C-alpha atoms as a PDB file:
ATOM      1  CA  MET A   1     -44.745  -8.573 -18.462  1.00  0.00           C
ATOM      2  CA  ALA A   2     -46.886  -9.567 -15.478  1.00  0.00           C
ATOM      3  CA  ILE A   3     -50.091  -8.328 -17.093  1.00  0.00           C
ATOM      4  CA  ILE A   4     -49.369 -10.320 -20.247  1.00  0.00           C
ATOM      5  CA  LYS A   5     -49.366 -13.465 -18.143  1.00  0.00           C
ATOM      6  CA  LEU A   6     -52.057 -12.367 -15.679  1.00  0.00           C
ATOM      7  CA  GLY A   7     -54.799 -11.558 -18.208  1.00  0.00           C
ATOM      8  CA  PRO A   8     -55.053 -14.930 -19.968  1.00  0.00           C
ATOM      9  CA  ALA A   9     -54.746 -16.884 -16.718  1.00  0.00           C
ATOM     10  CA  LEU A  10     -57.606 -14.974 -15.087  1.00  0.00           C
ATOM     11  CA  ALA A  11     -59.725 -14.960 -18.255  1.00  0.00           C
ATOM     12  CA  THR A  12     -59.615 -18.765 -18.303  1.00  0.00           C
ATOM     13  CA  GLY A  13     -60.718 -19.081 -14.676  1.00  0.00           C
ATOM     14  CA  ASN A  14     -57.431 -19.573 -12.881  1.00  0.00           C
ATOM     15  CA  VAL A  15     -56.089 -18.023  -9.716  1.00  0.00           C
ATOM     16  CA  VAL A  16     -52.631 -16.464  -9.927  1.00  0.00           C
ATOM     17  CA  VAL A  17     -49.634 -16.149  -7.634  1.00  0.00           C
ATOM     18  CA  LEU A  18     -47.266 -13.359  -8.723  1.00  0.00           C
ATOM     19  CA  LYS A  19     -43.698 -13.138  -7.456  1.00  0.00           C
ATOM     20  CA  PRO A  20     -42.116  -9.907  -8.626  1.00  0.00           C
ATOM     21  CA  LEU A  21     -38.413  -9.458  -9.101  1.00  0.00           C
ATOM     22  CA  GLU A  22     -37.046  -8.750  -5.654  1.00  0.00           C
ATOM     23  CA  VAL A  23     -35.430  -5.465  -6.670  1.00  0.00           C
ATOM     24  CA  THR A  24     -38.548  -4.084  -8.426  1.00  0.00           C
ATOM     25  CA  PRO A  25     -41.618  -5.118  -6.400  1.00  0.00           C
ATOM     26  CA  LEU A  26     -43.398  -1.755  -6.364  1.00  0.00           C
ATOM     27  CA  THR A  27     -45.047  -2.078  -9.786  1.00  0.00           C
ATOM     28  CA  ILE A  28     -46.644  -5.384  -8.822  1.00  0.00           C
ATOM     29  CA  LEU A  29     -47.699  -4.005  -5.440  1.00  0.00           C
ATOM     30  CA  PHE A  30     -49.312  -1.054  -7.247  1.00  0.00           C
ATOM     31  CA  LEU A  31     -51.074  -3.561  -9.510  1.00  0.00           C
ATOM     32  CA  ALA A  32     -52.258  -5.425  -6.397  1.00  0.00           C
ATOM     33  CA  ASN A  33     -53.882  -2.212  -5.133  1.00  0.00           C
ATOM     34  CA  LEU A  34     -55.670  -1.779  -8.471  1.00  0.00           C
ATOM     35  CA  ILE A  35     -56.859  -5.393  -8.326  1.00  0.00           C
ATOM     36  CA  ASN A  36     -58.293  -4.742  -4.854  1.00  0.00           C
ATOM     37  CA  GLU A  37     -59.927  -1.484  -6.005  1.00  0.00           C
ATOM     38  CA  VAL A  38     -61.836  -3.148  -8.841  1.00  0.00           C
ATOM     39  CA  GLY A  39     -63.134  -5.817  -6.491  1.00  0.00           C
ATOM     40  CA  PHE A  40     -61.384  -9.074  -7.327  1.00  0.00           C
ATOM     41  CA  PRO A  41     -62.337 -11.692  -4.746  1.00  0.00           C
ATOM     42  CA  PRO A  42     -59.645 -12.379  -2.133  1.00  0.00           C
ATOM     43  CA  GLY A  43     -57.168 -15.059  -3.216  1.00  0.00           C
ATOM     44  CA  VAL A  44     -57.750 -14.734  -6.965  1.00  0.00           C
ATOM     45  CA  VAL A  45     -54.460 -12.847  -7.316  1.00  0.00           C
ATOM     46  CA  SER A  46     -51.844 -13.303  -4.613  1.00  0.00           C
ATOM     47  CA  ILE A  47     -48.500 -11.522  -4.422  1.00  0.00           C
ATOM     48  CA  VAL A  48     -45.486 -13.266  -2.913  1.00  0.00           C
ATOM     49  CA  ASN A  49     -42.414 -11.110  -2.424  1.00  0.00           C
ATOM     50  CA  GLY A  50     -39.011 -12.629  -1.850  1.00  0.00           C
ATOM     51  CA  TYR A  51     -35.881 -13.905  -3.499  1.00  0.00           C
ATOM     52  CA  GLY A  52     -36.032 -16.342  -6.380  1.00  0.00           C
ATOM     53  CA  ASN A  53     -33.991 -18.979  -4.617  1.00  0.00           C
ATOM     54  CA  THR A  54     -36.520 -19.129  -1.747  1.00  0.00           C
ATOM     55  CA  ALA A  55     -39.902 -17.732  -2.814  1.00  0.00           C
ATOM     56  CA  GLY A  56     -39.475 -18.695  -6.475  1.00  0.00           C
ATOM     57  CA  THR A  57     -38.333 -22.197  -5.604  1.00  0.00           C
ATOM     58  CA  ALA A  58     -41.308 -22.638  -3.256  1.00  0.00           C
ATOM     59  CA  ILE A  59     -43.711 -21.557  -5.996  1.00  0.00           C
ATOM     60  CA  ALA A  60     -42.118 -23.761  -8.661  1.00  0.00           C
ATOM     61  CA  GLY A  61     -42.145 -26.797  -6.378  1.00  0.00           C
ATOM     62  CA  HIS A  62     -45.609 -26.390  -4.854  1.00  0.00           C
ATOM     63  CA  PRO A  63     -47.819 -29.402  -5.657  1.00  0.00           C
ATOM     64  CA  SER A  64     -50.974 -27.285  -6.101  1.00  0.00           C
ATOM     65  CA  ILE A  65     -49.450 -25.038  -8.762  1.00  0.00           C
ATOM     66  CA  ALA A  66     -50.082 -26.570 -12.181  1.00  0.00           C
ATOM     67  CA  LYS A  67     -48.243 -24.001 -14.340  1.00  0.00           C
ATOM     68  CA  VAL A  68     -45.454 -21.526 -13.818  1.00  0.00           C
ATOM     69  CA  ALA A  69     -44.953 -18.717 -16.346  1.00  0.00           C
ATOM     70  CA  PHE A  70     -41.487 -17.300 -15.930  1.00  0.00           C
ATOM     71  CA  THR A  71     -39.630 -14.263 -17.190  1.00  0.00           C
ATOM     72  CA  GLY A  72     -36.142 -14.167 -15.788  1.00  0.00           C
ATOM     73  CA  GLY A  73     -33.827 -11.365 -14.935  1.00  0.00           C
ATOM     74  CA  THR A  74     -30.155 -11.154 -15.812  1.00  0.00           C
ATOM     75  CA  PRO A  75     -28.875 -13.389 -12.992  1.00  0.00           C
ATOM     76  CA  VAL A  76     -30.926 -16.413 -14.064  1.00  0.00           C
ATOM     77  CA  ILE A  77     -31.412 -18.655 -17.069  1.00  0.00           C
ATOM     78  CA  THR A  78     -34.687 -18.107 -18.877  1.00  0.00           C
ATOM     79  CA  LEU A  79     -36.507 -19.999 -21.573  1.00  0.00           C
ATOM     80  CA  GLU A  80     -38.580 -17.169 -22.973  1.00  0.00           C
ATOM     81  CA  LEU A  81     -39.048 -18.488 -26.484  1.00  0.00           C
ATOM     82  CA  GLY A  82     -41.191 -15.744 -27.955  1.00  0.00           C
ATOM     83  CA  GLY A  83     -41.001 -14.150 -31.352  1.00  0.00           C
ATOM     84  CA  LYS A  84     -43.263 -16.634 -33.109  1.00  0.00           C
ATOM     85  CA  SER A  85     -46.440 -15.572 -31.361  1.00  0.00           C
ATOM     86  CA  PRO A  86     -49.585 -16.287 -33.386  1.00  0.00           C
ATOM     87  CA  THR A  87     -52.451 -13.900 -34.084  1.00  0.00           C
ATOM     88  CA  ILE A  88     -55.716 -15.517 -35.145  1.00  0.00           C
ATOM     89  CA  THR A  89     -58.517 -13.618 -36.886  1.00  0.00           C
ATOM     90  CA  PHE A  90     -61.959 -14.876 -37.899  1.00  0.00           C
ATOM     91  CA  ASP A  91     -64.400 -13.499 -40.449  1.00  0.00           C
ATOM     92  CA  ASN A  92     -66.545 -11.805 -37.781  1.00  0.00           C
ATOM     93  CA  ALA A  93     -63.663  -9.554 -36.656  1.00  0.00           C
ATOM     94  CA  ASN A  94     -63.416  -5.830 -37.334  1.00  0.00           C
ATOM     95  CA  LEU A  95     -60.826  -6.340 -40.066  1.00  0.00           C
ATOM     96  CA  ASP A  96     -59.607  -2.727 -40.127  1.00  0.00           C
ATOM     97  CA  GLN A  97     -58.856  -2.874 -36.398  1.00  0.00           C
ATOM     98  CA  ALA A  98     -57.315  -6.338 -36.742  1.00  0.00           C
ATOM     99  CA  ILE A  99     -54.987  -5.098 -39.493  1.00  0.00           C
ATOM    100  CA  LYS A 100     -54.013  -2.022 -37.473  1.00  0.00           C
ATOM    101  CA  TRP A 101     -53.133  -4.026 -34.361  1.00  0.00           C
ATOM    102  CA  MET A 102     -51.500  -6.910 -36.220  1.00  0.00           C
ATOM    103  CA  ALA A 103     -49.184  -4.461 -37.997  1.00  0.00           C
ATOM    104  CA  HIS A 104     -48.359  -2.925 -34.616  1.00  0.00           C
ATOM    105  CA  GLY A 105     -47.883  -6.340 -33.021  1.00  0.00           C
ATOM    106  CA  MET A 106     -45.598  -7.566 -35.764  1.00  0.00           C
ATOM    107  CA  PHE A 107     -43.506  -4.466 -36.368  1.00  0.00           C
ATOM    108  CA  PHE A 108     -43.398  -2.710 -32.970  1.00  0.00           C
ATOM    109  CA  ASN A 109     -39.773  -2.090 -32.043  1.00  0.00           C
ATOM    110  CA  MET A 110     -38.815  -3.322 -35.548  1.00  0.00           C
ATOM    111  CA  GLY A 111     -40.229  -6.748 -34.636  1.00  0.00           C
ATOM    112  CA  GLN A 112     -37.556  -7.252 -31.991  1.00  0.00           C
ATOM    113  CA  VAL A 113     -39.969  -8.059 -29.175  1.00  0.00           C
ATOM    114  CA  CYS A 114     -40.313 -11.440 -27.522  1.00  0.00           C
ATOM    115  CA  ILE A 115     -44.075 -11.288 -28.037  1.00  0.00           C
ATOM    116  CA  ALA A 116     -44.073  -9.990 -31.608  1.00  0.00           C
ATOM    117  CA  GLY A 117     -47.096 -11.319 -33.500  1.00  0.00           C
ATOM    118  CA  SER A 118     -44.983 -12.795 -36.255  1.00  0.00           C
ATOM    119  CA  HIS A 119     -47.371 -15.555 -37.295  1.00  0.00           C
ATOM    120  CA  ILE A 120     -50.782 -14.539 -38.605  1.00  0.00           C
ATOM    121  CA  TYR A 121     -53.578 -17.047 -39.080  1.00  0.00           C
ATOM    122  CA  MET A 122     -56.581 -15.834 -41.020  1.00  0.00           C
ATOM    123  CA  GLN A 123     -59.931 -17.451 -41.706  1.00  0.00           C
ATOM    124  CA  GLU A 124     -59.912 -18.388 -45.381  1.00  0.00           C
ATOM    125  CA  GLY A 125     -62.891 -16.238 -46.391  1.00  0.00           C
ATOM    126  CA  ILE A 126     -61.174 -12.973 -45.400  1.00  0.00           C
ATOM    127  CA  TYR A 127     -57.620 -13.836 -46.411  1.00  0.00           C
ATOM    128  CA  ASN A 128     -57.496 -11.802 -49.649  1.00  0.00           C
ATOM    129  CA  LYS A 129     -59.110  -8.731 -48.074  1.00  0.00           C
ATOM    130  CA  PHE A 130     -56.747  -9.015 -45.099  1.00  0.00           C
ATOM    131  CA  LEU A 131     -53.685  -9.406 -47.311  1.00  0.00           C
ATOM    132  CA  LYS A 132     -54.592  -6.312 -49.319  1.00  0.00           C
ATOM    133  CA  GLY A 133     -55.170  -4.234 -46.163  1.00  0.00           C
ATOM    134  CA  PHE A 134     -52.104  -5.534 -44.341  1.00  0.00           C
ATOM    135  CA  THR A 135     -49.923  -4.877 -47.382  1.00  0.00           C
ATOM    136  CA  GLN A 136     -51.230  -1.306 -47.497  1.00  0.00           C
ATOM    137  CA  ALA A 137     -50.595  -0.842 -43.756  1.00  0.00           C
ATOM    138  CA  THR A 138     -47.070  -2.208 -44.157  1.00  0.00           C
ATOM    139  CA  ARG A 139     -46.332   0.197 -47.008  1.00  0.00           C
ATOM    140  CA  GLY A 140     -47.127   3.019 -44.600  1.00  0.00           C
ATOM    141  CA  LEU A 141     -44.320   2.046 -42.237  1.00  0.00           C
ATOM    142  CA  THR A 142     -40.937   3.752 -42.226  1.00  0.00           C
ATOM    143  CA  LYS A 143     -38.807   1.566 -44.490  1.00  0.00           C
ATOM    144  CA  ALA A 144     -35.275   2.244 -43.324  1.00  0.00           C
ATOM    145  CA  ALA A 145     -34.006   1.443 -39.873  1.00  0.00           C
ATOM    146  CA  GLY A 146     -33.159   4.518 -37.888  1.00  0.00           C
ATOM    147  CA  GLY A 147     -32.456   5.642 -34.373  1.00  0.00           C
ATOM    148  CA  PRO A 148     -34.952   4.460 -31.763  1.00  0.00           C
ATOM    149  CA  PHE A 149     -35.825   8.022 -30.753  1.00  0.00           C
ATOM    150  CA  GLU A 150     -36.402   9.368 -34.264  1.00  0.00           C
ATOM    151  CA  GLU A 151     -39.992  10.465 -34.654  1.00  0.00           C
ATOM    152  CA  GLY A 152     -42.033   8.073 -36.767  1.00  0.00           C
ATOM    153  CA  GLN A 153     -39.385   5.340 -36.757  1.00  0.00           C
ATOM    154  CA  VAL A 154     -41.102   1.962 -36.771  1.00  0.00           C
ATOM    155  CA  MET A 155     -39.413  -0.553 -39.001  1.00  0.00           C
ATOM    156  CA  GLY A 156     -36.108  -1.969 -40.094  1.00  0.00           C
ATOM    157  CA  TYR A 157     -34.998  -4.386 -42.809  1.00  0.00           C
ATOM    158  CA  THR A 158     -35.393  -8.098 -42.156  1.00  0.00           C
ATOM    159  CA  SER A 159     -36.197 -11.012 -44.431  1.00  0.00           C
ATOM    160  CA  GLY A 160     -38.054 -14.256 -43.975  1.00  0.00           C
ATOM    161  CA  LYS A 161     -37.169 -15.565 -47.443  1.00  0.00           C
ATOM    162  CA  SER A 162     -35.099 -18.380 -45.967  1.00  0.00           C
ATOM    163  CA  GLU A 163     -38.308 -19.633 -44.314  1.00  0.00           C
ATOM    164  CA  GLY A 164     -40.250 -19.640 -47.574  1.00  0.00           C
ATOM    165  CA  THR A 165     -42.214 -16.410 -47.193  1.00  0.00           C
ATOM    166  CA  LYS A 166     -43.559 -14.514 -50.183  1.00  0.00           C
ATOM    167  CA  GLY A 167     -42.959 -10.769 -50.009  1.00  0.00           C
ATOM    168  CA  HIS A 168     -45.664  -8.229 -50.757  1.00  0.00           C
ATOM    169  CA  VAL A 169     -43.791  -5.086 -49.677  1.00  0.00           C
ATOM    170  CA  GLY A 170     -40.048  -4.427 -49.884  1.00  0.00           C
ATOM    171  CA  GLY A 171     -37.868  -7.447 -49.345  1.00  0.00           C
ATOM    172  CA  GLU A 172     -34.962  -6.047 -51.293  1.00  0.00           C
ATOM    173  CA  ARG A 173     -32.412  -3.464 -50.321  1.00  0.00           C
ATOM    174  CA  GLU A 174     -32.498  -0.300 -52.364  1.00  0.00           C
ATOM    175  CA  GLY A 175     -30.360  -0.660 -55.466  1.00  0.00           C
ATOM    176  CA  GLU A 176     -30.613  -4.474 -55.599  1.00  0.00           C
END
């Protein structure tokens, strides 16, 4: 979860302060070592360990911090409103790779991921080619929901018909 927030912030020229969950700081500290190894300048990524009610409150209330991205643990309230994450593709993209990763992003863990790429925006000139390829990729997914440890299990049954979607693959239960 930290890397998902860290990458875009750094790519857009920001510095980052990370405060790991107090009971699981070792992953972030390992990440800090990797950041040092690759040569990030000092201060670009800072790690602040501590409890949420002290360290977290200090970060959230600091006047020099313009944005706080937060993923909460079980003892706190969180407003992680994912599940409608957009994927945008332009006509200069490698469409085969885009289709492969969009299918993964949308259907990984049967789409039950807070960062599932459930909205796809496509440049108009490649829409038909994309739709054909994405439909084919979707047909290759396991259709019935199964146990999470069953080999090859990817997909379960859901429907977006109530939101006005037009189905290209499935959409009906067998026998309907």
